[in-house]
Amino acid sequence: MSSMQLYSPIIKGKLNDLKAIARLSSDARLKIKPLIEAMPLPAKNKGLDDHLKKFVGYIVKYAHIEEYFVDFYGLKII
């Protein structure tokens, strides 16, 4: 972890929220370590595997941050 980390925002794991991270300046990205929350399975879910692949794909594509936390607590599996 960087000694310059100043902020740990909580970010929903939705596409537009993760795109917002991508728009941060590189200097700002070095100073945050966000907590990214996995979203619950949608009503029309295609299965847990597909949901997690999509979630991780969004992180890989948009969250170009050195370190981050991922929270799976809200991901309720019935």
PDB file of N, CA and C in Angstrom:
ATOM      1  N   MET A   1       0.841  -1.181   0.000  1.00  0.00           N
ATOM      2  CA  MET A   1       0.000   0.000   0.000  1.00  0.00           C
ATOM      3  C   MET A   1       0.880   1.236   0.000  1.00  0.00           C
ATOM      4  N   SER A   2       0.497   2.210  -0.763  1.00  0.00           N
ATOM      5  CA  SER A   2       1.240   3.451  -0.864  1.00  0.00           C
ATOM      6  C   SER A   2       1.099   4.256   0.420  1.00  0.00           C
ATOM      7  N   SER A   3       2.199   4.874   0.849  1.00  0.00           N
ATOM      8  CA  SER A   3       2.145   5.700   2.049  1.00  0.00           C
ATOM      9  C   SER A   3       1.401   7.003   1.783  1.00  0.00           C
ATOM     10  N   MET A   4       1.126   7.306   0.511  1.00  0.00           N
ATOM     11  CA  MET A   4       0.437   8.531   0.137  1.00  0.00           C
ATOM     12  C   MET A   4      -1.072   8.340   0.015  1.00  0.00           C
ATOM     13  N   GLN A   5      -1.571   7.133   0.298  1.00  0.00           N
ATOM     14  CA  GLN A   5      -3.003   6.891   0.173  1.00  0.00           C
ATOM     15  C   GLN A   5      -3.757   7.833   1.106  1.00  0.00           C
ATOM     16  N   LEU A   6      -4.729   8.540   0.543  1.00  0.00           N
ATOM     17  CA  LEU A   6      -5.476   9.518   1.315  1.00  0.00           C
ATOM     18  C   LEU A   6      -6.948   9.191   1.476  1.00  0.00           C
ATOM     19  N   TYR A   7      -7.478   8.314   0.627  1.00  0.00           N
ATOM     20  CA  TYR A   7      -8.922   8.155   0.581  1.00  0.00           C
ATOM     21  C   TYR A   7      -9.295   6.735   0.169  1.00  0.00           C
ATOM     22  N   SER A   8     -10.319   6.180   0.828  1.00  0.00           N
ATOM     23  CA  SER A   8     -10.840   4.853   0.483  1.00  0.00           C
ATOM     24  C   SER A   8     -12.338   4.955   0.226  1.00  0.00           C
ATOM     25  N   PRO A   9     -12.730   5.335  -0.992  1.00  0.00           N
ATOM     26  CA  PRO A   9     -14.163   5.453  -1.294  1.00  0.00           C
ATOM     27  C   PRO A   9     -14.827   4.086  -1.419  1.00  0.00           C
ATOM     28  N   ILE A  10     -16.111   4.055  -1.145  1.00  0.00           N
ATOM     29  CA  ILE A  10     -16.908   2.850  -1.369  1.00  0.00           C
ATOM     30  C   ILE A  10     -17.593   3.023  -2.713  1.00  0.00           C
ATOM     31  N   ILE A  11     -17.352   2.088  -3.625  1.00  0.00           N
ATOM     32  CA  ILE A  11     -17.852   2.200  -4.989  1.00  0.00           C
ATOM     33  C   ILE A  11     -18.699   0.980  -5.322  1.00  0.00           C
ATOM     34  N   LYS A  12     -19.877   1.220  -5.849  1.00  0.00           N
ATOM     35  CA  LYS A  12     -20.720   0.121  -6.313  1.00  0.00           C
ATOM     36  C   LYS A  12     -20.067  -0.500  -7.538  1.00  0.00           C
ATOM     37  N   GLY A  13     -20.181  -1.797  -7.679  1.00  0.00           N
ATOM     38  CA  GLY A  13     -19.555  -2.494  -8.800  1.00  0.00           C
ATOM     39  C   GLY A  13     -20.371  -2.432 -10.075  1.00  0.00           C
ATOM     40  N   LYS A  14     -21.004  -1.290 -10.330  1.00  0.00           N
ATOM     41  CA  LYS A  14     -21.793  -1.100 -11.548  1.00  0.00           C
ATOM     42  C   LYS A  14     -20.913  -0.470 -12.619  1.00  0.00           C
ATOM     43  N   LEU A  15     -21.283  -0.692 -13.860  1.00  0.00           N
ATOM     44  CA  LEU A  15     -20.482  -0.240 -14.988  1.00  0.00           C
ATOM     45  C   LEU A  15     -20.150   1.250 -14.921  1.00  0.00           C
ATOM     46  N   ASN A  16     -21.145   2.106 -14.767  1.00  0.00           N
ATOM     47  CA  ASN A  16     -20.880   3.546 -14.781  1.00  0.00           C
ATOM     48  C   ASN A  16     -20.051   4.006 -13.584  1.00  0.00           C
ATOM     49  N   ASP A  17     -20.224   3.368 -12.440  1.00  0.00           N
ATOM     50  CA  ASP A  17     -19.421   3.732 -11.268  1.00  0.00           C
ATOM     51  C   ASP A  17     -17.956   3.381 -11.498  1.00  0.00           C
ATOM     52  N   LEU A  18     -17.706   2.235 -12.121  1.00  0.00           N
ATOM     53  CA  LEU A  18     -16.326   1.842 -12.402  1.00  0.00           C
ATOM     54  C   LEU A  18     -15.728   2.675 -13.534  1.00  0.00           C
ATOM     55  N   LYS A  19     -16.560   3.088 -14.482  1.00  0.00           N
ATOM     56  CA  LYS A  19     -16.073   3.990 -15.535  1.00  0.00           C
ATOM     57  C   LYS A  19     -15.628   5.322 -14.932  1.00  0.00           C
ATOM     58  N   ALA A  20     -16.290   5.743 -13.882  1.00  0.00           N
ATOM     59  CA  ALA A  20     -15.902   6.996 -13.219  1.00  0.00           C
ATOM     60  C   ALA A  20     -14.490   6.897 -12.649  1.00  0.00           C
ATOM     61  N   ILE A  21     -14.110   5.732 -12.147  1.00  0.00           N
ATOM     62  CA  ILE A  21     -12.748   5.543 -11.650  1.00  0.00           C
ATOM     63  C   ILE A  21     -11.750   5.731 -12.788  1.00  0.00           C
ATOM     64  N   ALA A  22     -12.086   5.224 -13.947  1.00  0.00           N
ATOM     65  CA  ALA A  22     -11.191   5.324 -15.103  1.00  0.00           C
ATOM     66  C   ALA A  22     -10.955   6.775 -15.513  1.00  0.00           C
ATOM     67  N   ARG A  23     -11.880   7.655 -15.174  1.00  0.00           N
ATOM     68  CA  ARG A  23     -11.751   9.064 -15.548  1.00  0.00           C
ATOM     69  C   ARG A  23     -10.917   9.872 -14.572  1.00  0.00           C
ATOM     70  N   LEU A  24     -10.530   9.271 -13.462  1.00  0.00           N
ATOM     71  CA  LEU A  24      -9.678   9.979 -12.498  1.00  0.00           C
ATOM     72  C   LEU A  24      -8.295  10.209 -13.092  1.00  0.00           C
ATOM     73  N   SER A  25      -7.661  11.262 -12.659  1.00  0.00           N
ATOM     74  CA  SER A  25      -6.276  11.496 -13.104  1.00  0.00           C
ATOM     75  C   SER A  25      -5.380  10.412 -12.515  1.00  0.00           C
ATOM     76  N   SER A  26      -4.242  10.193 -13.144  1.00  0.00           N
ATOM     77  CA  SER A  26      -3.328   9.161 -12.635  1.00  0.00           C
ATOM     78  C   SER A  26      -2.837   9.524 -11.240  1.00  0.00           C
ATOM     79  N   ASP A  27      -2.682  10.815 -10.954  1.00  0.00           N
ATOM     80  CA  ASP A  27      -2.261  11.246  -9.620  1.00  0.00           C
ATOM     81  C   ASP A  27      -3.324  10.906  -8.579  1.00  0.00           C
ATOM     82  N   ALA A  28      -4.592  11.136  -8.918  1.00  0.00           N
ATOM     83  CA  ALA A  28      -5.694  10.819  -7.997  1.00  0.00           C
ATOM     84  C   ALA A  28      -5.787   9.317  -7.766  1.00  0.00           C
ATOM     85  N   ARG A  29      -5.596   8.531  -8.838  1.00  0.00           N
ATOM     86  CA  ARG A  29      -5.669   7.065  -8.700  1.00  0.00           C
ATOM     87  C   ARG A  29      -4.598   6.532  -7.762  1.00  0.00           C
ATOM     88  N   LEU A  30      -3.462   7.195  -7.688  1.00  0.00           N
ATOM     89  CA  LEU A  30      -2.392   6.753  -6.789  1.00  0.00           C
ATOM     90  C   LEU A  30      -2.723   7.014  -5.327  1.00  0.00           C
ATOM     91  N   LYS A  31      -3.670   7.904  -5.078  1.00  0.00           N
ATOM     92  CA  LYS A  31      -3.974   8.312  -3.705  1.00  0.00           C
ATOM     93  C   LYS A  31      -5.227   7.669  -3.130  1.00  0.00           C
ATOM     94  N   ILE A  32      -5.857   6.766  -3.881  1.00  0.00           N
ATOM     95  CA  ILE A  32      -7.044   6.109  -3.354  1.00  0.00           C
ATOM     96  C   ILE A  32      -6.876   4.597  -3.360  1.00  0.00           C
ATOM     97  N   LYS A  33      -7.602   3.954  -2.478  1.00  0.00           N
ATOM     98  CA  LYS A  33      -7.709   2.496  -2.443  1.00  0.00           C
ATOM     99  C   LYS A  33      -9.191   2.199  -2.194  1.00  0.00           C
ATOM    100  N   PRO A  34      -9.971   2.109  -3.278  1.00  0.00           N
ATOM    101  CA  PRO A  34     -11.414   1.974  -3.105  1.00  0.00           C
ATOM    102  C   PRO A  34     -11.854   0.587  -2.648  1.00  0.00           C
ATOM    103  N   LEU A  35     -13.023   0.572  -2.037  1.00  0.00           N
ATOM    104  CA  LEU A  35     -13.716  -0.670  -1.715  1.00  0.00           C
ATOM    105  C   LEU A  35     -14.797  -0.822  -2.773  1.00  0.00           C
ATOM    106  N   ILE A  36     -14.675  -1.830  -3.624  1.00  0.00           N
ATOM    107  CA  ILE A  36     -15.631  -2.053  -4.708  1.00  0.00           C
ATOM    108  C   ILE A  36     -16.601  -3.146  -4.270  1.00  0.00           C
ATOM    109  N   GLU A  37     -17.878  -2.802  -4.232  1.00  0.00           N
ATOM    110  CA  GLU A  37     -18.906  -3.737  -3.782  1.00  0.00           C
ATOM    111  C   GLU A  37     -19.486  -4.525  -4.955  1.00  0.00           C
ATOM    112  N   ALA A  38     -19.520  -5.821  -4.817  1.00  0.00           N
ATOM    113  CA  ALA A  38     -20.192  -6.656  -5.816  1.00  0.00           C
ATOM    114  C   ALA A  38     -21.690  -6.419  -5.698  1.00  0.00           C
ATOM    115  N   MET A  39     -22.343  -6.285  -6.824  1.00  0.00           N
ATOM    116  CA  MET A  39     -23.779  -6.050  -6.832  1.00  0.00           C
ATOM    117  C   MET A  39     -24.524  -7.380  -6.694  1.00  0.00           C
ATOM    118  N   PRO A  40     -25.732  -7.335  -6.110  1.00  0.00           N
ATOM    119  CA  PRO A  40     -26.533  -8.563  -5.995  1.00  0.00           C
ATOM    120  C   PRO A  40     -26.877  -9.123  -7.373  1.00  0.00           C
ATOM    121  N   LEU A  41     -27.168 -10.399  -7.418  1.00  0.00           N
ATOM    122  CA  LEU A  41     -27.601 -11.014  -8.669  1.00  0.00           C
ATOM    123  C   LEU A  41     -28.889 -10.346  -9.136  1.00  0.00           C
ATOM    124  N   PRO A  42     -28.961  -9.971 -10.412  1.00  0.00           N
ATOM    125  CA  PRO A  42     -30.201  -9.364 -10.908  1.00  0.00           C
ATOM    126  C   PRO A  42     -31.338 -10.387 -10.945  1.00  0.00           C
ATOM    127  N   ALA A  43     -32.571  -9.892 -11.023  1.00  0.00           N
ATOM    128  CA  ALA A  43     -33.742 -10.778 -11.042  1.00  0.00           C
ATOM    129  C   ALA A  43     -33.669 -11.759 -12.214  1.00  0.00           C
ATOM    130  N   LYS A  44     -33.208 -11.273 -13.355  1.00  0.00           N
ATOM    131  CA  LYS A  44     -33.060 -12.133 -14.534  1.00  0.00           C
ATOM    132  C   LYS A  44     -31.604 -12.599 -14.623  1.00  0.00           C
ATOM    133  N   ASN A  45     -31.166 -13.311 -13.615  1.00  0.00           N
ATOM    134  CA  ASN A  45     -29.751 -13.693 -13.590  1.00  0.00           C
ATOM    135  C   ASN A  45     -29.468 -14.878 -14.503  1.00  0.00           C
ATOM    136  N   LYS A  46     -28.246 -14.891 -14.995  1.00  0.00           N
ATOM    137  CA  LYS A  46     -27.787 -15.984 -15.864  1.00  0.00           C
ATOM    138  C   LYS A  46     -26.849 -16.912 -15.097  1.00  0.00           C
ATOM    139  N   GLY A  47     -26.835 -16.762 -13.805  1.00  0.00           N
ATOM    140  CA  GLY A  47     -25.997 -17.599 -12.976  1.00  0.00           C
ATOM    141  C   GLY A  47     -24.884 -16.807 -12.314  1.00  0.00           C
ATOM    142  N   LEU A  48     -24.415 -17.336 -11.223  1.00  0.00           N
ATOM    143  CA  LEU A  48     -23.377 -16.672 -10.439  1.00  0.00           C
ATOM    144  C   LEU A  48     -22.081 -16.518 -11.221  1.00  0.00           C
ATOM    145  N   ASP A  49     -21.683 -17.543 -11.955  1.00  0.00           N
ATOM    146  CA  ASP A  49     -20.429 -17.476 -12.714  1.00  0.00           C
ATOM    147  C   ASP A  49     -20.436 -16.337 -13.722  1.00  0.00           C
ATOM    148  N   ASP A  50     -21.514 -16.208 -14.479  1.00  0.00           N
ATOM    149  CA  ASP A  50     -21.615 -15.130 -15.475  1.00  0.00           C
ATOM    150  C   ASP A  50     -21.623 -13.761 -14.801  1.00  0.00           C
ATOM    151  N   HIS A  51     -22.340 -13.660 -13.697  1.00  0.00           N
ATOM    152  CA  HIS A  51     -22.415 -12.395 -12.958  1.00  0.00           C
ATOM    153  C   HIS A  51     -21.021 -11.972 -12.470  1.00  0.00           C
ATOM    154  N   LEU A  52     -20.282 -12.907 -11.897  1.00  0.00           N
ATOM    155  CA  LEU A  52     -18.941 -12.585 -11.392  1.00  0.00           C
ATOM    156  C   LEU A  52     -17.956 -12.295 -12.520  1.00  0.00           C
ATOM    157  N   LYS A  53     -18.070 -12.997 -13.644  1.00  0.00           N
ATOM    158  CA  LYS A  53     -17.202 -12.710 -14.796  1.00  0.00           C
ATOM    159  C   LYS A  53     -17.421 -11.290 -15.296  1.00  0.00           C
ATOM    160  N   LYS A  54     -18.666 -10.880 -15.347  1.00  0.00           N
ATOM    161  CA  LYS A  54     -19.001  -9.528 -15.785  1.00  0.00           C
ATOM    162  C   LYS A  54     -18.437  -8.501 -14.805  1.00  0.00           C
ATOM    163  N   PHE A  55     -18.631  -8.734 -13.513  1.00  0.00           N
ATOM    164  CA  PHE A  55     -18.134  -7.847 -12.457  1.00  0.00           C
ATOM    165  C   PHE A  55     -16.614  -7.718 -12.523  1.00  0.00           C
ATOM    166  N   VAL A  56     -15.921  -8.830 -12.590  1.00  0.00           N
ATOM    167  CA  VAL A  56     -14.457  -8.811 -12.655  1.00  0.00           C
ATOM    168  C   VAL A  56     -13.985  -8.178 -13.965  1.00  0.00           C
ATOM    169  N   GLY A  57     -14.697  -8.424 -15.039  1.00  0.00           N
ATOM    170  CA  GLY A  57     -14.355  -7.799 -16.319  1.00  0.00           C
ATOM    171  C   GLY A  57     -14.418  -6.283 -16.248  1.00  0.00           C
ATOM    172  N   TYR A  58     -15.444  -5.748 -15.567  1.00  0.00           N
ATOM    173  CA  TYR A  58     -15.549  -4.303 -15.385  1.00  0.00           C
ATOM    174  C   TYR A  58     -14.354  -3.765 -14.583  1.00  0.00           C
ATOM    175  N   ILE A  59     -13.977  -4.478 -13.541  1.00  0.00           N
ATOM    176  CA  ILE A  59     -12.845  -4.032 -12.714  1.00  0.00           C
ATOM    177  C   ILE A  59     -11.566  -4.016 -13.537  1.00  0.00           C
ATOM    178  N   VAL A  60     -11.317  -5.092 -14.255  1.00  0.00           N
ATOM    179  CA  VAL A  60     -10.090  -5.186 -15.061  1.00  0.00           C
ATOM    180  C   VAL A  60     -10.053  -4.092 -16.125  1.00  0.00           C
ATOM    181  N   LYS A  61     -11.189  -3.836 -16.747  1.00  0.00           N
ATOM    182  CA  LYS A  61     -11.230  -2.866 -17.841  1.00  0.00           C
ATOM    183  C   LYS A  61     -11.153  -1.411 -17.366  1.00  0.00           C
ATOM    184  N   TYR A  62     -11.774  -1.097 -16.231  1.00  0.00           N
ATOM    185  CA  TYR A  62     -11.910   0.301 -15.843  1.00  0.00           C
ATOM    186  C   TYR A  62     -11.172   0.718 -14.571  1.00  0.00           C
ATOM    187  N   ALA A  63     -10.961  -0.174 -13.639  1.00  0.00           N
ATOM    188  CA  ALA A  63     -10.360   0.224 -12.354  1.00  0.00           C
ATOM    189  C   ALA A  63      -8.846   0.056 -12.398  1.00  0.00           C
ATOM    190  N   HIS A  64      -8.192   0.938 -13.095  1.00  0.00           N
ATOM    191  CA  HIS A  64      -6.732   0.878 -13.214  1.00  0.00           C
ATOM    192  C   HIS A  64      -6.093   1.516 -11.985  1.00  0.00           C
ATOM    193  N   ILE A  65      -6.249   0.833 -10.877  1.00  0.00           N
ATOM    194  CA  ILE A  65      -5.740   1.309  -9.597  1.00  0.00           C
ATOM    195  C   ILE A  65      -4.815   0.238  -9.049  1.00  0.00           C
ATOM    196  N   GLU A  66      -3.752   0.699  -8.415  1.00  0.00           N
ATOM    197  CA  GLU A  66      -2.739  -0.232  -7.926  1.00  0.00           C
ATOM    198  C   GLU A  66      -3.308  -1.248  -6.933  1.00  0.00           C
ATOM    199  N   GLU A  67      -4.101  -0.776  -5.986  1.00  0.00           N
ATOM    200  CA  GLU A  67      -4.681  -1.661  -4.977  1.00  0.00           C
ATOM    201  C   GLU A  67      -6.129  -1.264  -4.729  1.00  0.00           C
ATOM    202  N   TYR A  68      -6.965  -2.271  -4.456  1.00  0.00           N
ATOM    203  CA  TYR A  68      -8.351  -2.010  -4.090  1.00  0.00           C
ATOM    204  C   TYR A  68      -8.871  -3.197  -3.296  1.00  0.00           C
ATOM    205  N   PHE A  69      -9.941  -2.951  -2.572  1.00  0.00           N
ATOM    206  CA  PHE A  69     -10.642  -3.999  -1.840  1.00  0.00           C
ATOM    207  C   PHE A  69     -11.862  -4.402  -2.661  1.00  0.00           C
ATOM    208  N   VAL A  70     -12.304  -5.646  -2.524  1.00  0.00           N
ATOM    209  CA  VAL A  70     -13.556  -6.086  -3.144  1.00  0.00           C
ATOM    210  C   VAL A  70     -14.414  -6.694  -2.043  1.00  0.00           C
ATOM    211  N   ASP A  71     -15.673  -6.250  -1.980  1.00  0.00           N
ATOM    212  CA  ASP A  71     -16.606  -6.713  -0.960  1.00  0.00           C
ATOM    213  C   ASP A  71     -17.702  -7.542  -1.628  1.00  0.00           C
ATOM    214  N   PHE A  72     -17.817  -8.797  -1.234  1.00  0.00           N
ATOM    215  CA  PHE A  72     -18.833  -9.692  -1.790  1.00  0.00           C
ATOM    216  C   PHE A  72     -20.014  -9.871  -0.840  1.00  0.00           C
ATOM    217  N   TYR A  73     -20.061  -9.082   0.228  1.00  0.00           N
ATOM    218  CA  TYR A  73     -21.106  -9.252   1.238  1.00  0.00           C
ATOM    219  C   TYR A  73     -22.508  -9.102   0.656  1.00  0.00           C
ATOM    220  N   GLY A  74     -22.721  -8.109  -0.221  1.00  0.00           N
ATOM    221  CA  GLY A  74     -24.039  -7.860  -0.781  1.00  0.00           C
ATOM    222  C   GLY A  74     -24.470  -8.868  -1.815  1.00  0.00           C
ATOM    223  N   LEU A  75     -23.579  -9.745  -2.206  1.00  0.00           N
ATOM    224  CA  LEU A  75     -23.875 -10.758  -3.212  1.00  0.00           C
ATOM    225  C   LEU A  75     -24.578 -11.916  -2.518  1.00  0.00           C
ATOM    226  N   LYS A  76     -25.886 -11.840  -2.490  1.00  0.00           N
ATOM    227  CA  LYS A  76     -26.675 -12.849  -1.794  1.00  0.00           C
ATOM    228  C   LYS A  76     -26.950 -14.014  -2.730  1.00  0.00           C
ATOM    229  N   ILE A  77     -26.578 -15.181  -2.287  1.00  0.00           N
ATOM    230  CA  ILE A  77     -26.773 -16.388  -3.084  1.00  0.00           C
ATOM    231  C   ILE A  77     -27.896 -17.194  -2.434  1.00  0.00           C
ATOM    232  N   ILE A  78     -28.938 -17.422  -3.187  1.00  0.00           N
ATOM    233  CA  ILE A  78     -30.102 -18.128  -2.639  1.00  0.00           C
ATOM    234  C   ILE A  78     -30.114 -19.541  -3.188  1.00  0.00           C
TER     235      ILE A  78
END
